[in-house]
Amino acid sequence: MMDLIPEKFYKYRSLDGEALKRVERTVLHDELYFGTAESFNDPFDLRAVFDFEADPAIQRADFIRRSHDFEPHLSERERNAAADRVMANALDPANIATTTMMFQFMHNRMIRSSVGIYCVSTVPDDILMWSHYASDHRGICLEFDGLGALMAQAQRVRYVLERPSINPYAGEPERRMECALLTKAKPWEYEAEWRIVSEDGPGPVRFGPAELTGIIIGAAAPQATVDTVRKWCAQRSLPLRIMRAQVDARSFKLNLLADARQRPAGAIPTGPDADDNRPGGGGDLCIRK
């Protein structure tokens, strides 16, 4: 059964260092960067537990196929010889544990290095995520249309208490993918994560300009960040909704408020603020110039 796609997805982002350039590419050039699990902050992520029970001939063929990725320099003769050695060890009861670990390492390395992933959340106001992924509330959070062409490909992450076991030689491919790519430990459940998975590997991916719908500025964001967001919005061809995260006066929560300086699309400024509509002015932040 397919999960119902949420109306909105959110991506918490820092604007420190190289992250600033990537976020700018997202806002101004409609480009997301799909990373690998090597950059994730969970050491268990995309490190599945494997069960390798299968016919030896199937295991041998699978080893040869995958070895092209890990040892591309081998000749076919050397590759077959390596497969023979591995299978001889695999059939020796004294080596089963070592061989299993080797196969598991090989499968996990392939998954972690060859798949590109873009992670989003359904929650825009989580205090911990603002701290962990948006420079202690000094960064921003991007808002996306969940029904856009790219975001509609997102799949929900499952949170479990026990690490699932995968047999790469048995079962449905969809189930194996869910276990390997879309399963995390229960303590991460607060992130309400969804993932877009690219079999083309890590790197930049384009999306439709209308899929980015808003930017939330962190509660502790400096004025430089506010100015940067407003500058980006002024340069976009499509309007964005700007919001500000604000610490609640009484509760442990964040309130998301419309940016006070943003006028409705198409509004014509009058009075003292009229000059703010010129390029570089501070008025109509997200209207095409």
Protein backbone atom coordinates (compact mmCIF):
# COMPACT_ATOMS: atom_id res chain seq x y z
CA MET A 1 0.00 0.00 0.00
CA MET A 2 1.40 3.37 -1.05
CA ASP A 3 1.74 6.11 1.56
CA LEU A 4 -0.31 9.25 1.08
CA ILE A 5 2.06 12.01 -0.03
CA PRO A 6 2.02 14.98 2.40
CA GLU A 7 1.00 18.40 1.11
CA LYS A 8 4.37 19.91 2.10
CA PHE A 9 7.92 18.71 2.68
CA TYR A 10 10.62 20.58 4.57
CA LYS A 11 14.41 20.65 4.38
CA TYR A 12 16.36 22.18 7.26
CA ARG A 13 19.56 23.84 6.05
CA SER A 14 22.59 25.60 7.43
CA LEU A 15 23.96 28.56 5.52
CA ASP A 16 27.50 28.10 6.82
CA GLY A 17 30.47 27.49 4.51
CA GLU A 18 29.81 25.43 1.38
CA ALA A 19 26.19 24.88 2.44
CA LEU A 20 25.41 28.47 1.47
CA LYS A 21 26.34 27.79 -2.16
CA ARG A 22 24.17 24.67 -2.34
CA VAL A 23 21.15 26.41 -0.85
CA GLU A 24 21.64 29.27 -3.28
CA ARG A 25 21.65 26.74 -6.13
CA THR A 26 18.36 25.40 -4.79
CA VAL A 27 16.64 28.78 -4.48
CA LEU A 28 17.96 30.47 -7.62
CA HIS A 29 18.70 27.57 -9.96
CA ASP A 30 16.11 24.92 -8.97
CA GLU A 31 18.78 22.38 -8.06
CA LEU A 32 18.97 19.89 -5.19
CA TYR A 33 22.05 17.92 -4.22
CA PHE A 34 21.55 14.22 -3.60
CA GLY A 35 24.16 12.94 -1.14
CA THR A 36 25.39 9.51 -0.10
CA ALA A 37 25.00 7.82 3.26
CA GLU A 38 28.64 8.66 3.98
CA SER A 39 27.48 12.18 4.85
CA PHE A 40 24.64 11.06 7.15
CA ASN A 41 24.79 11.52 10.92
CA ASP A 42 23.48 8.03 11.78
CA PRO A 43 26.20 5.32 11.71
CA PHE A 44 23.51 2.65 11.21
CA ASP A 45 22.00 4.35 8.17
CA LEU A 46 22.10 2.18 5.03
CA ARG A 47 24.06 -0.50 6.90
CA ALA A 48 21.67 -3.39 6.70
CA VAL A 49 22.05 -6.79 8.34
CA PHE A 50 22.20 -9.49 5.67
CA ASP A 51 21.22 -13.14 5.53
CA PHE A 52 23.04 -14.82 2.65
CA GLU A 53 21.34 -18.21 2.57
CA ALA A 54 21.04 -19.18 -1.10
CA ASP A 55 22.18 -21.66 -3.71
CA PRO A 56 26.01 -21.38 -4.08
CA ALA A 57 25.70 -20.89 -7.85
CA ILE A 58 23.47 -17.86 -7.28
CA GLN A 59 25.90 -16.46 -4.71
CA ARG A 60 28.85 -16.93 -7.05
CA ALA A 61 27.11 -15.17 -9.95
CA ASP A 62 26.15 -12.30 -7.65
CA PHE A 63 29.74 -11.95 -6.42
CA ILE A 64 31.07 -11.73 -9.98
CA ARG A 65 28.45 -9.13 -10.94
CA ARG A 66 29.19 -6.90 -7.95
CA SER A 67 32.95 -7.30 -8.19
CA HIS A 68 32.90 -5.23 -11.38
CA ASP A 69 32.11 -2.24 -9.15
CA PHE A 70 34.71 -2.92 -6.47
CA GLU A 71 37.55 -4.45 -8.49
CA PRO A 72 37.10 -3.15 -12.05
CA HIS A 73 40.78 -3.74 -12.84
CA LEU A 74 40.47 -7.54 -12.71
CA SER A 75 40.42 -9.61 -15.86
CA GLU A 76 37.59 -12.10 -16.27
CA ARG A 77 39.99 -14.92 -15.48
CA GLU A 78 41.10 -13.21 -12.27
CA ARG A 79 37.49 -12.39 -11.41
CA ASN A 80 36.40 -16.02 -11.75
CA ALA A 81 39.40 -17.17 -9.71
CA ALA A 82 38.45 -14.72 -6.95
CA ALA A 83 34.87 -16.00 -7.02
CA ASP A 84 36.13 -19.59 -6.69
CA ARG A 85 38.22 -18.66 -3.65
CA VAL A 86 35.36 -16.82 -1.99
CA MET A 87 32.91 -19.66 -2.56
CA ALA A 88 35.40 -22.26 -1.30
CA ASN A 89 35.74 -20.26 1.90
CA ALA A 90 32.00 -19.75 2.11
CA LEU A 91 31.37 -23.50 2.06
CA ASP A 92 33.92 -24.13 4.82
CA PRO A 93 32.07 -24.15 8.19
CA ALA A 94 35.11 -22.58 9.86
CA ASN A 95 34.87 -19.53 7.59
CA ILE A 96 31.14 -18.89 7.50
CA ALA A 97 31.22 -15.93 9.92
CA THR A 98 34.12 -14.24 8.12
CA THR A 99 32.60 -14.79 4.69
CA THR A 100 29.24 -13.46 5.83
CA MET A 101 30.91 -10.31 7.15
CA MET A 102 32.74 -9.85 3.86
CA PHE A 103 29.55 -10.23 1.81
CA GLN A 104 27.71 -7.85 4.14
CA PHE A 105 30.49 -5.26 3.84
CA MET A 106 30.45 -5.55 0.06
CA HIS A 107 26.67 -5.13 -0.21
CA ASN A 108 26.55 -2.21 2.24
CA ARG A 109 29.46 -0.45 0.58
CA MET A 110 27.73 -0.71 -2.78
CA ILE A 111 24.48 0.68 -1.36
CA ARG A 112 26.12 3.51 0.59
CA SER A 113 28.29 4.73 -2.27
CA SER A 114 26.16 4.20 -5.37
CA VAL A 115 22.77 5.58 -4.34
CA GLY A 116 21.93 9.28 -4.15
CA ILE A 117 19.46 10.34 -1.45
CA TYR A 118 17.65 13.58 -0.65
CA CYS A 119 16.07 13.65 2.81
CA VAL A 120 13.08 15.78 3.77
CA SER A 121 10.69 16.01 6.71
CA THR A 122 7.00 16.64 7.14
CA VAL A 123 7.64 18.82 10.21
CA PRO A 124 8.77 22.48 9.88
CA ASP A 125 8.92 23.45 13.54
CA ASP A 126 10.85 20.71 15.33
CA ILE A 127 13.21 22.27 17.88
CA LEU A 128 15.81 19.50 17.66
CA MET A 129 15.97 19.48 13.87
CA TRP A 130 16.41 23.24 13.81
CA SER A 131 19.36 22.70 16.17
CA HIS A 132 20.89 19.70 14.37
CA TYR A 133 20.44 20.67 10.71
CA ALA A 134 20.02 24.45 10.66
CA SER A 135 22.99 25.70 12.68
CA ASP A 136 21.26 25.96 16.06
CA HIS A 137 18.26 27.84 14.65
CA ARG A 138 20.48 30.30 12.75
CA GLY A 139 19.80 28.71 9.36
CA ILE A 140 16.66 28.23 7.29
CA CYS A 141 14.09 25.61 6.35
CA LEU A 142 12.99 25.16 2.73
CA GLU A 143 9.34 24.37 2.01
CA PHE A 144 8.43 22.19 -0.99
CA ASP A 145 5.18 21.22 -2.68
CA GLY A 146 4.71 17.56 -1.79
CA LEU A 147 2.80 16.92 -5.01
CA GLY A 148 5.48 18.34 -7.31
CA ALA A 149 7.02 16.00 -9.87
CA LEU A 150 10.21 15.39 -7.89
CA MET A 151 8.85 15.52 -4.34
CA ALA A 152 6.04 13.12 -5.22
CA GLN A 153 8.75 10.45 -5.58
CA ALA A 154 9.58 10.67 -1.86
CA GLN A 155 9.09 7.54 0.23
CA ARG A 156 8.40 7.42 3.94
CA VAL A 157 11.09 6.16 6.33
CA ARG A 158 10.05 3.41 8.74
CA TYR A 159 11.29 3.48 12.34
CA VAL A 160 11.81 0.14 14.07
CA LEU A 161 13.24 -1.26 17.31
CA GLU A 162 15.21 -4.13 15.73
CA ARG A 163 17.46 -4.01 12.68
CA PRO A 164 15.74 -5.90 9.85
CA SER A 165 17.53 -8.70 8.04
CA ILE A 166 17.82 -8.72 4.25
CA ASN A 167 18.42 -11.71 2.01
CA PRO A 168 19.62 -10.23 -1.31
CA TYR A 169 18.81 -13.49 -3.09
CA ALA A 170 15.20 -13.83 -1.92
CA GLY A 171 12.04 -11.81 -1.41
CA GLU A 172 10.57 -8.89 -3.29
CA PRO A 173 12.99 -6.17 -4.48
CA GLU A 174 10.68 -3.46 -3.06
CA ARG A 175 10.86 -5.02 0.39
CA ARG A 176 14.65 -5.30 0.21
CA MET A 177 14.90 -1.65 -0.81
CA GLU A 178 12.65 -0.58 2.06
CA CYS A 179 14.81 -2.46 4.55
CA ALA A 180 18.09 -1.17 3.16
CA LEU A 181 17.23 2.45 2.33
CA LEU A 182 14.09 3.39 4.23
CA THR A 183 14.53 1.93 7.72
CA LYS A 184 15.97 3.69 10.76
CA ALA A 185 16.10 3.13 14.51
CA LYS A 186 13.07 4.15 16.57
CA PRO A 187 14.82 7.08 18.37
CA TRP A 188 14.94 8.96 15.03
CA GLU A 189 11.16 8.89 14.64
CA TYR A 190 10.74 12.53 15.65
CA GLU A 191 12.32 13.53 12.31
CA ALA A 192 9.28 12.25 10.34
CA GLU A 193 11.63 11.66 7.41
CA TRP A 194 10.88 10.88 3.78
CA ARG A 195 13.53 10.14 1.15
CA ILE A 196 13.90 10.57 -2.57
CA VAL A 197 16.25 7.88 -3.87
CA SER A 198 18.23 8.23 -7.09
CA GLU A 199 19.80 5.16 -8.65
CA ASP A 200 21.95 7.55 -10.72
CA GLY A 201 24.05 8.16 -7.63
CA PRO A 202 24.97 11.34 -5.77
CA GLY A 203 25.01 14.73 -7.44
CA PRO A 204 22.80 17.66 -8.50
CA VAL A 205 19.20 17.05 -9.59
CA ARG A 206 16.90 19.66 -11.15
CA PHE A 207 13.33 20.28 -10.02
CA GLY A 208 10.45 22.40 -11.28
CA PRO A 209 10.63 26.04 -10.07
CA ALA A 210 7.11 25.86 -8.65
CA GLU A 211 8.04 22.98 -6.32
CA LEU A 212 9.89 25.32 -3.94
CA THR A 213 7.09 27.22 -2.21
CA GLY A 214 8.60 28.91 0.82
CA ILE A 215 11.52 29.62 3.13
CA ILE A 216 11.36 29.69 6.93
CA ILE A 217 14.03 31.80 8.62
CA GLY A 218 15.35 30.39 11.90
CA ALA A 219 14.47 31.95 15.24
CA ALA A 220 18.13 32.81 15.94
CA ALA A 221 19.04 33.80 12.38
CA PRO A 222 21.31 36.86 12.15
CA GLN A 223 20.31 39.83 10.02
CA ALA A 224 22.78 38.69 7.35
CA THR A 225 20.73 35.51 6.85
CA VAL A 226 17.49 37.49 6.66
CA ASP A 227 19.04 39.79 4.07
CA THR A 228 20.33 36.84 2.05
CA VAL A 229 16.91 35.18 1.93
CA ARG A 230 15.24 38.42 0.86
CA LYS A 231 17.86 38.97 -1.82
CA TRP A 232 17.32 35.46 -3.21
CA CYS A 233 13.56 35.91 -3.26
CA ALA A 234 13.87 39.18 -5.15
CA GLN A 235 15.83 37.37 -7.87
CA ARG A 236 13.43 34.45 -8.33
CA SER A 237 11.07 34.19 -11.28
CA LEU A 238 8.32 32.72 -9.06
CA PRO A 239 7.19 34.08 -5.68
CA LEU A 240 8.06 32.37 -2.41
CA ARG A 241 6.36 32.57 0.95
CA ILE A 242 8.76 33.85 3.61
CA MET A 243 8.13 32.92 7.24
CA ARG A 244 9.96 33.57 10.47
CA ALA A 245 10.32 31.02 13.27
CA GLN A 246 9.70 32.64 16.64
CA VAL A 247 10.28 31.21 20.12
CA ASP A 248 6.96 30.91 21.94
CA ALA A 249 6.67 33.11 25.02
CA ARG A 250 5.25 30.36 27.25
CA SER A 251 5.74 26.90 25.72
CA PHE A 252 8.56 24.77 24.32
CA LYS A 253 7.52 25.38 20.74
CA LEU A 254 8.22 27.51 17.70
CA ASN A 255 5.62 29.72 16.06
CA LEU A 256 5.88 30.22 12.30
CA LEU A 257 4.84 33.73 11.34
CA ALA A 258 4.57 35.46 7.98
CA ASP A 259 7.45 37.80 7.30
CA ALA A 260 6.22 41.25 8.29
CA ARG A 261 7.92 42.93 5.33
CA GLN A 262 6.44 40.69 2.64
CA ARG A 263 3.53 42.19 0.68
CA PRO A 264 0.98 40.17 -1.30
CA ALA A 265 2.00 39.27 -4.84
CA GLY A 266 1.20 42.09 -7.24
CA ALA A 267 0.82 44.75 -4.55
CA ILE A 268 1.91 48.23 -5.63
CA PRO A 269 3.76 50.05 -2.82
CA THR A 270 2.78 53.61 -1.96
CA GLY A 271 4.01 56.21 0.47
CA PRO A 272 7.43 56.15 2.16
CA ASP A 273 8.03 52.50 1.30
CA ALA A 274 7.49 52.94 -2.43
CA ASP A 275 11.21 53.11 -3.13
CA ASP A 276 11.63 49.67 -1.57
CA ASN A 277 10.25 48.15 -4.75
CA ARG A 278 13.34 49.12 -6.70
CA PRO A 279 16.00 46.39 -7.20
CA GLY A 280 17.89 46.01 -3.96
CA GLY A 281 15.12 47.64 -1.94
CA GLY A 282 13.60 46.01 1.11
CA GLY A 283 9.94 45.90 0.13
CA ASP A 284 8.27 43.42 -2.16
CA LEU A 285 10.57 40.55 -1.28
CA CYS A 286 9.32 37.76 -3.47
CA ILE A 287 7.84 39.51 -6.47
CA ARG A 288 9.64 39.16 -9.78
CA LYS A 289 11.72 42.24 -10.53
